Amino acid sequence: MTVPVLELSSLTKRYKPGEPPAVHDFNFQLNDSEIVTLLGPSGCGKTTVLRLISGLERPDRGEIKLQGKIISDQVDFIIPEQRDIGLVFQDLALFPHLTVRENVCFGLDCSRAEASSRVESVLELVGLEGRESCYPEQLSGGQRQRVALARSLVTRPRVLLLDEPLSNLEEELRQKMRSDIRKILKESDTPAIFVTHDQEEALYLGDRMGIMRSGRLEQIGAPEEVVIKPETRFVAEFLGPTDFVPVTLEGKAARTEIGKLPLQMIDFKGEAEEYDLMLRADDVLIREAEGKADGVVEEDEFLGGLFRYRVRLSSGRRVHSLLHHSRLLPGGTPVEVKIDPGHELVAFPRR
């Protein structure tokens, strides 16, 4: 049986007595060469998890193992410098008076020849060869980010932790850097946990994506699995925009106000008498009504190659639909509405 690179069991951390814990009963595994992204609302405990793993915080309860060896529990606590875990923070904390080479090799504990070889290799890996003698103020935001990444990778950590490292970059540079970071981590074969508040970033970077809520891991899985088949209503709404329509069971079919679906097309979560069917905009098709209309277009939002339409159904409930930009339906247009997902849908107990 393969041992996870990193394993967290029942991890709990409370900063102030009487207040809810920042991290509560957190269980997680990181596998070799894997990138896991953690996503969740502000204050859900994402950064605290990284601080506990790195040793910057000590848990109140629970256990952390690195390659099967305990590095933190109620008895043992390995200090950060001895954990073989790299960190890249939002604040890159580069030394302004040191060159790129000096920043990268700062604190590297090996011979001068070995340090020189490692720095040369890692600078080539992050695309900074030829910039060794530059100072941080002479570099672009993306280049400074690469220096911080190189400084963490040069020690050859068993795990790399990244805490919203791209949040201070402009959007265009962020998109390029997230692509570069994923490539660098895969080429260096470095398992990593990447904390972000950006959903698109989490979807792109992660081999798996974890959604956190109130200090707990609400769901973790392949990004497409978490988006298409959320386990809880919170995950469904957090990864929105999401619509819900009531669904009732009629024999082997499920009826909604915009059509029937075979029961085998719906995964009903939990036990309940009444359910709401989760719909994303790409699950709903609309077209101009030729006869009786199911609803009316209230608003259209141009997204470049697509329009996202908000439709008010006859019941007053609203759903959204994505259509190609060539299909323009102005506000006020009566439309027929159809559920056409091409995949299994999810229903949650009605609130």
Protein backbone atom coordinates (compact mmCIF):
# COMPACT_ATOMS: atom_id res chain seq x y z
CA MET A 1 0.00 0.00 0.00
CA THR A 2 1.37 3.40 -1.02
CA VAL A 3 2.00 5.76 1.89
CA PRO A 4 0.74 9.34 1.33
CA VAL A 5 3.44 12.01 1.24
CA LEU A 6 1.42 13.99 3.77
CA GLU A 7 -1.40 12.85 6.03
CA LEU A 8 -3.51 14.96 8.41
CA SER A 9 -5.79 13.23 10.91
CA SER A 10 -8.45 14.94 13.07
CA LEU A 11 -6.45 18.18 13.01
CA THR A 12 -7.96 20.89 15.22
CA LYS A 13 -6.77 24.40 16.08
CA ARG A 14 -8.56 27.00 18.22
CA TYR A 15 -6.98 30.43 18.71
CA LYS A 16 -9.22 31.76 21.49
CA PRO A 17 -11.16 29.86 24.18
CA GLY A 18 -14.88 30.02 23.64
CA GLU A 19 -14.60 30.81 19.94
CA PRO A 20 -15.19 28.31 17.12
CA PRO A 21 -11.98 26.52 16.05
CA ALA A 22 -10.17 27.87 13.00
CA VAL A 23 -9.59 24.26 11.88
CA HIS A 24 -11.82 21.47 13.15
CA ASP A 25 -11.42 17.70 12.74
CA PHE A 26 -9.54 18.19 9.47
CA ASN A 27 -8.60 15.00 7.59
CA PHE A 28 -6.55 15.09 4.42
CA GLN A 29 -3.99 13.19 2.35
CA LEU A 30 -1.51 14.45 -0.25
CA ASN A 31 -0.09 11.93 -2.68
CA ASP A 32 3.26 11.87 -4.43
CA SER A 33 3.61 14.38 -7.32
CA GLU A 34 0.08 15.68 -6.66
CA ILE A 35 -1.14 19.28 -6.59
CA VAL A 36 -4.15 19.92 -4.35
CA THR A 37 -5.86 23.29 -4.31
CA LEU A 38 -7.80 24.48 -1.25
CA LEU A 39 -10.66 26.88 -1.86
CA GLY A 40 -13.22 28.40 0.48
CA PRO A 41 -14.67 31.65 1.84
CA SER A 42 -12.53 34.06 3.85
CA GLY A 43 -11.92 32.83 7.38
CA CYS A 44 -12.64 29.17 6.61
CA GLY A 45 -9.19 28.04 7.83
CA LYS A 46 -7.21 27.59 4.61
CA THR A 47 -4.12 29.49 5.76
CA THR A 48 -4.29 27.94 9.24
CA VAL A 49 -4.05 24.49 7.67
CA LEU A 50 -0.83 25.51 5.92
CA ARG A 51 0.58 27.00 9.12
CA LEU A 52 -0.15 23.79 11.00
CA ILE A 53 1.50 21.67 8.32
CA SER A 54 4.58 23.90 8.21
CA GLY A 55 4.93 24.01 12.00
CA LEU A 56 4.27 27.74 12.34
CA GLU A 57 1.28 26.79 14.51
CA ARG A 58 0.87 23.86 16.87
CA PRO A 59 -2.46 21.97 16.72
CA ASP A 60 -4.63 21.52 19.79
CA ARG A 61 -5.51 18.01 18.65
CA GLY A 62 -4.73 15.66 15.79
CA GLU A 63 -1.75 14.25 13.97
CA ILE A 64 0.40 15.21 10.98
CA LYS A 65 2.56 12.64 9.19
CA LEU A 66 5.17 13.33 6.52
CA GLN A 67 6.04 10.22 4.51
CA GLY A 68 4.61 8.08 7.29
CA LYS A 69 6.61 9.78 10.07
CA ILE A 70 4.82 11.80 12.75
CA ILE A 71 5.93 15.43 12.70
CA SER A 72 3.18 16.73 14.99
CA ASP A 73 0.83 15.21 17.54
CA GLN A 74 0.08 15.63 21.25
CA VAL A 75 3.58 14.39 22.15
CA ASP A 76 5.94 15.14 19.27
CA PHE A 77 6.43 18.44 17.48
CA ILE A 78 9.12 18.89 14.82
CA ILE A 79 10.16 22.53 14.39
CA PRO A 80 9.59 24.14 10.95
CA GLU A 81 13.29 24.14 10.00
CA GLN A 82 13.43 20.35 10.32
CA ARG A 83 10.21 19.47 8.50
CA ASP A 84 11.50 19.51 4.91
CA ILE A 85 8.46 21.54 3.86
CA GLY A 86 8.71 24.60 1.61
CA LEU A 87 6.57 27.72 1.88
CA VAL A 88 5.61 30.45 -0.60
CA PHE A 89 3.49 33.22 0.91
CA GLN A 90 1.43 36.04 -0.59
CA ASP A 91 4.11 38.37 0.75
CA LEU A 92 7.14 37.02 -1.09
CA ALA A 93 9.54 38.32 1.60
CA LEU A 94 12.50 38.71 -0.76
CA PHE A 95 15.57 40.47 0.61
CA PRO A 96 15.85 43.74 -1.36
CA HIS A 97 19.61 44.05 -0.73
CA LEU A 98 20.36 40.56 -2.10
CA THR A 99 20.60 39.49 -5.72
CA VAL A 100 18.42 36.77 -7.24
CA ARG A 101 21.18 34.21 -6.68
CA GLU A 102 21.71 35.32 -3.08
CA ASN A 103 17.98 35.27 -2.34
CA VAL A 104 17.59 31.77 -3.75
CA CYS A 105 20.54 30.25 -1.91
CA PHE A 106 19.88 32.08 1.36
CA GLY A 107 19.92 29.56 4.20
CA LEU A 108 20.83 26.65 1.91
CA ASP A 109 22.80 24.22 4.07
CA CYS A 110 25.25 22.46 1.75
CA SER A 111 28.69 22.94 0.21
CA ARG A 112 29.38 25.95 -1.99
CA ALA A 113 29.72 23.75 -5.07
CA GLU A 114 26.45 21.93 -4.32
CA ALA A 115 24.65 25.23 -3.63
CA SER A 116 25.90 26.71 -6.92
CA SER A 117 24.73 23.63 -8.83
CA ARG A 118 21.31 23.63 -7.19
CA VAL A 119 20.76 27.36 -7.72
CA GLU A 120 21.75 27.11 -11.37
CA SER A 121 19.36 24.20 -11.92
CA VAL A 122 16.41 25.78 -10.16
CA LEU A 123 16.83 29.14 -11.88
CA GLU A 124 16.79 27.35 -15.19
CA LEU A 125 13.67 25.46 -14.09
CA VAL A 126 11.79 28.70 -13.25
CA GLY A 127 13.09 30.54 -16.33
CA LEU A 128 15.37 33.04 -14.59
CA GLU A 129 18.70 32.08 -16.08
CA GLY A 130 20.64 35.23 -16.91
CA ARG A 131 18.94 37.21 -14.11
CA GLU A 132 21.14 35.89 -11.28
CA SER A 133 22.79 39.24 -10.54
CA CYS A 134 19.60 41.33 -10.57
CA TYR A 135 18.04 42.75 -7.42
CA PRO A 136 14.31 42.35 -6.69
CA GLU A 137 13.54 45.98 -7.60
CA GLN A 138 14.92 45.28 -11.09
CA LEU A 139 12.45 42.44 -11.67
CA SER A 140 8.82 42.33 -12.77
CA GLY A 141 6.11 41.02 -10.44
CA GLY A 142 6.12 37.67 -12.20
CA GLN A 143 9.90 37.39 -12.00
CA ARG A 144 9.86 38.14 -8.27
CA GLN A 145 7.27 35.41 -7.89
CA ARG A 146 9.62 33.01 -9.67
CA VAL A 147 12.45 33.94 -7.31
CA ALA A 148 10.25 33.08 -4.31
CA LEU A 149 9.31 29.79 -5.93
CA ALA A 150 12.95 29.01 -6.74
CA ARG A 151 13.98 29.77 -3.16
CA SER A 152 11.50 27.17 -1.90
CA LEU A 153 12.35 24.56 -4.53
CA VAL A 154 16.13 24.81 -4.16
CA THR A 155 15.94 22.99 -0.80
CA ARG A 156 14.16 20.11 -2.57
CA PRO A 157 11.26 19.98 -0.10
CA ARG A 158 9.11 16.89 0.22
CA VAL A 159 6.03 19.14 0.11
CA LEU A 160 5.54 22.73 -1.06
CA LEU A 161 2.85 24.95 0.45
CA LEU A 162 1.67 28.02 -1.47
CA ASP A 163 -0.59 30.56 0.23
CA GLU A 164 -2.32 32.76 -2.39
CA PRO A 165 1.02 33.58 -4.05
CA LEU A 166 -0.58 35.16 -7.14
CA SER A 167 -3.14 37.42 -5.46
CA ASN A 168 -1.06 40.60 -5.89
CA LEU A 169 -0.52 40.13 -9.63
CA GLU A 170 -2.56 41.62 -12.46
CA GLU A 171 -5.05 39.23 -14.09
CA GLU A 172 -3.10 38.65 -17.31
CA LEU A 173 0.10 37.90 -15.40
CA ARG A 174 -1.79 35.68 -12.94
CA GLN A 175 -3.04 33.50 -15.78
CA LYS A 176 0.47 33.08 -17.15
CA MET A 177 2.00 32.44 -13.74
CA ARG A 178 -0.50 29.77 -12.73
CA SER A 179 0.32 27.91 -15.93
CA ASP A 180 4.05 28.29 -15.27
CA ILE A 181 3.73 27.21 -11.62
CA ARG A 182 1.85 24.05 -12.52
CA LYS A 183 4.47 23.20 -15.15
CA ILE A 184 7.34 23.88 -12.72
CA LEU A 185 5.81 21.77 -9.94
CA LYS A 186 5.21 18.87 -12.31
CA GLU A 187 8.68 19.08 -13.85
CA SER A 188 10.28 19.17 -10.40
CA ASP A 189 8.00 16.34 -9.20
CA THR A 190 7.07 18.36 -6.11
CA PRO A 191 3.81 17.58 -4.26
CA ALA A 192 2.06 20.82 -3.39
CA ILE A 193 -0.91 22.36 -1.60
CA PHE A 194 -2.03 25.61 -3.20
CA VAL A 195 -4.40 27.86 -1.22
CA THR A 196 -6.41 30.36 -3.23
CA HIS A 197 -9.64 32.36 -3.14
CA ASP A 198 -9.83 32.29 -6.96
CA GLN A 199 -12.08 29.51 -8.26
CA GLU A 200 -10.66 29.56 -11.78
CA GLU A 201 -7.15 29.24 -10.33
CA ALA A 202 -8.18 26.30 -8.17
CA LEU A 203 -9.84 24.51 -11.09
CA TYR A 204 -6.82 24.96 -13.35
CA LEU A 205 -4.01 24.12 -10.94
CA GLY A 206 -5.38 21.23 -8.92
CA ASP A 207 -5.20 17.54 -9.65
CA ARG A 208 -7.71 17.54 -6.81
CA MET A 209 -9.61 20.44 -5.32
CA GLY A 210 -10.77 20.73 -1.72
CA ILE A 211 -13.61 23.01 -0.59
CA MET A 212 -13.37 24.23 3.00
CA ARG A 213 -16.09 25.55 5.28
CA SER A 214 -15.80 26.61 8.92
CA GLY A 215 -12.49 24.83 9.41
CA ARG A 216 -13.62 21.56 7.84
CA LEU A 217 -13.01 19.93 4.49
CA GLU A 218 -16.50 19.91 2.95
CA GLN A 219 -15.52 17.97 -0.20
CA ILE A 220 -12.39 16.98 -2.09
CA GLY A 221 -12.01 15.40 -5.50
CA ALA A 222 -11.11 16.01 -9.13
CA PRO A 223 -12.13 19.61 -10.00
CA GLU A 224 -14.69 18.52 -12.59
CA GLU A 225 -16.19 16.03 -10.11
CA VAL A 226 -16.58 18.65 -7.37
CA VAL A 227 -18.20 21.15 -9.76
CA ILE A 228 -20.55 18.74 -11.52
CA LYS A 229 -21.38 16.49 -8.54
CA PRO A 230 -21.13 18.53 -5.33
CA GLU A 231 -21.75 16.51 -2.18
CA THR A 232 -23.45 19.34 -0.26
CA ARG A 233 -25.62 22.31 -1.07
CA PHE A 234 -22.92 24.61 0.32
CA VAL A 235 -20.40 23.33 -2.25
CA ALA A 236 -22.98 23.64 -5.01
CA GLU A 237 -23.72 27.27 -4.12
CA PHE A 238 -20.12 28.21 -3.42
CA LEU A 239 -19.05 27.05 -6.88
CA GLY A 240 -21.98 28.91 -8.48
CA PRO A 241 -23.72 30.59 -10.07
CA THR A 242 -26.24 27.86 -9.27
CA ASP A 243 -30.00 27.61 -9.66
CA PHE A 244 -32.40 25.26 -7.89
CA VAL A 245 -35.84 24.12 -9.07
CA PRO A 246 -38.25 21.89 -7.12
CA VAL A 247 -38.41 18.28 -8.31
CA THR A 248 -41.09 15.72 -7.57
CA LEU A 249 -40.99 11.96 -8.14
CA GLU A 250 -43.53 10.40 -10.49
CA GLY A 251 -42.89 6.69 -10.87
CA LYS A 252 -39.60 6.29 -12.75
CA ALA A 253 -39.42 9.97 -13.66
CA ALA A 254 -38.70 13.23 -11.89
CA ARG A 255 -40.83 16.21 -12.78
CA THR A 256 -39.83 19.87 -12.69
CA GLU A 257 -41.65 22.94 -13.96
CA ILE A 258 -39.46 22.84 -17.07
CA GLY A 259 -39.76 19.16 -17.93
CA LYS A 260 -39.26 15.57 -16.84
CA LEU A 261 -36.06 13.60 -16.37
CA PRO A 262 -35.44 9.86 -15.86
CA LEU A 263 -34.76 9.08 -12.19
CA GLN A 264 -31.43 7.46 -13.12
CA MET A 265 -30.21 10.88 -14.28
CA ILE A 266 -30.46 12.33 -10.76
CA ASP A 267 -28.32 11.67 -7.69
CA PHE A 268 -30.54 12.42 -4.68
CA LYS A 269 -28.46 13.53 -1.68
CA GLY A 270 -29.75 12.59 1.76
CA GLU A 271 -33.19 11.45 2.87
CA ALA A 272 -36.02 13.91 2.39
CA GLU A 273 -39.62 14.20 1.31
CA GLU A 274 -38.93 17.14 -1.01
CA TYR A 275 -35.91 17.95 -3.16
CA ASP A 276 -34.46 20.80 -5.20
CA LEU A 277 -32.64 20.02 -8.44
CA MET A 278 -29.33 21.83 -8.94
CA LEU A 279 -28.84 23.44 -12.34
CA ARG A 280 -25.86 25.27 -13.80
CA ALA A 281 -26.30 27.61 -16.75
CA ASP A 282 -24.85 25.04 -19.16
CA ASP A 283 -27.51 22.51 -18.09
CA VAL A 284 -30.34 24.70 -19.38
CA LEU A 285 -31.29 25.32 -23.00
CA ILE A 286 -33.60 28.13 -24.08
CA ARG A 287 -35.04 29.17 -27.41
CA GLU A 288 -37.57 31.73 -28.56
CA ALA A 289 -41.03 30.36 -27.90
CA GLU A 290 -43.08 29.35 -30.92
CA GLY A 291 -46.12 28.50 -28.83
CA LYS A 292 -46.61 28.47 -25.08
CA ALA A 293 -43.65 30.03 -23.29
CA ASP A 294 -42.03 28.60 -20.15
CA GLY A 295 -40.57 31.96 -19.19
CA VAL A 296 -39.21 35.29 -20.35
CA VAL A 297 -35.67 36.62 -20.73
CA GLU A 298 -34.98 39.18 -18.01
CA GLU A 299 -31.34 39.93 -18.63
CA ASP A 300 -28.47 38.97 -20.92
CA GLU A 301 -24.78 39.14 -20.01
CA PHE A 302 -22.18 39.07 -22.78
CA LEU A 303 -19.21 36.87 -21.80
CA GLY A 304 -17.25 37.06 -25.05
CA GLY A 305 -18.00 33.85 -26.90
CA LEU A 306 -21.21 33.26 -24.92
CA PHE A 307 -24.28 35.01 -23.59
CA ARG A 308 -25.55 34.14 -20.11
CA TYR A 309 -29.29 34.70 -19.92
CA ARG A 310 -31.39 35.12 -16.80
CA VAL A 311 -34.85 33.74 -17.37
CA ARG A 312 -37.90 34.28 -15.16
CA LEU A 313 -40.05 31.16 -15.28
CA SER A 314 -43.84 31.24 -15.15
CA SER A 315 -43.66 30.44 -11.43
CA GLY A 316 -41.49 33.51 -10.84
CA ARG A 317 -38.43 31.35 -10.18
CA ARG A 318 -35.27 32.28 -12.09
CA VAL A 319 -32.77 30.09 -13.96
CA HIS A 320 -29.75 30.87 -16.13
CA SER A 321 -28.73 29.58 -19.53
CA LEU A 322 -25.57 29.79 -21.65
CA LEU A 323 -25.88 30.21 -25.40
CA HIS A 324 -23.44 30.89 -28.22
CA HIS A 325 -22.97 34.62 -28.87
CA SER A 326 -24.65 34.32 -32.28
CA ARG A 327 -28.01 33.49 -30.62
CA LEU A 328 -29.22 36.84 -29.33
CA LEU A 329 -32.42 36.88 -27.28
CA PRO A 330 -33.22 40.42 -26.10
CA GLY A 331 -34.80 41.12 -22.74
CA GLY A 332 -38.53 40.47 -22.78
CA THR A 333 -38.28 37.58 -25.26
CA PRO A 334 -40.70 34.72 -24.40
CA VAL A 335 -38.73 31.45 -24.37
CA GLU A 336 -39.13 27.71 -24.12
CA VAL A 337 -36.87 26.23 -21.43
CA LYS A 338 -35.44 22.71 -21.37
CA ILE A 339 -33.08 20.82 -19.07
CA ASP A 340 -30.38 19.18 -21.20
CA PRO A 341 -27.27 18.47 -19.09
CA GLY A 342 -25.68 15.49 -20.83
CA HIS A 343 -24.64 14.18 -17.40
CA GLU A 344 -26.12 13.07 -14.08
CA LEU A 345 -27.63 15.91 -12.05
CA VAL A 346 -27.73 16.35 -8.27
CA ALA A 347 -30.74 17.05 -6.03
CA PHE A 348 -30.58 18.26 -2.43
CA PRO A 349 -33.21 18.22 0.32
CA ARG A 350 -35.41 21.29 -0.01
CA ARG A 351 -34.81 24.06 2.48
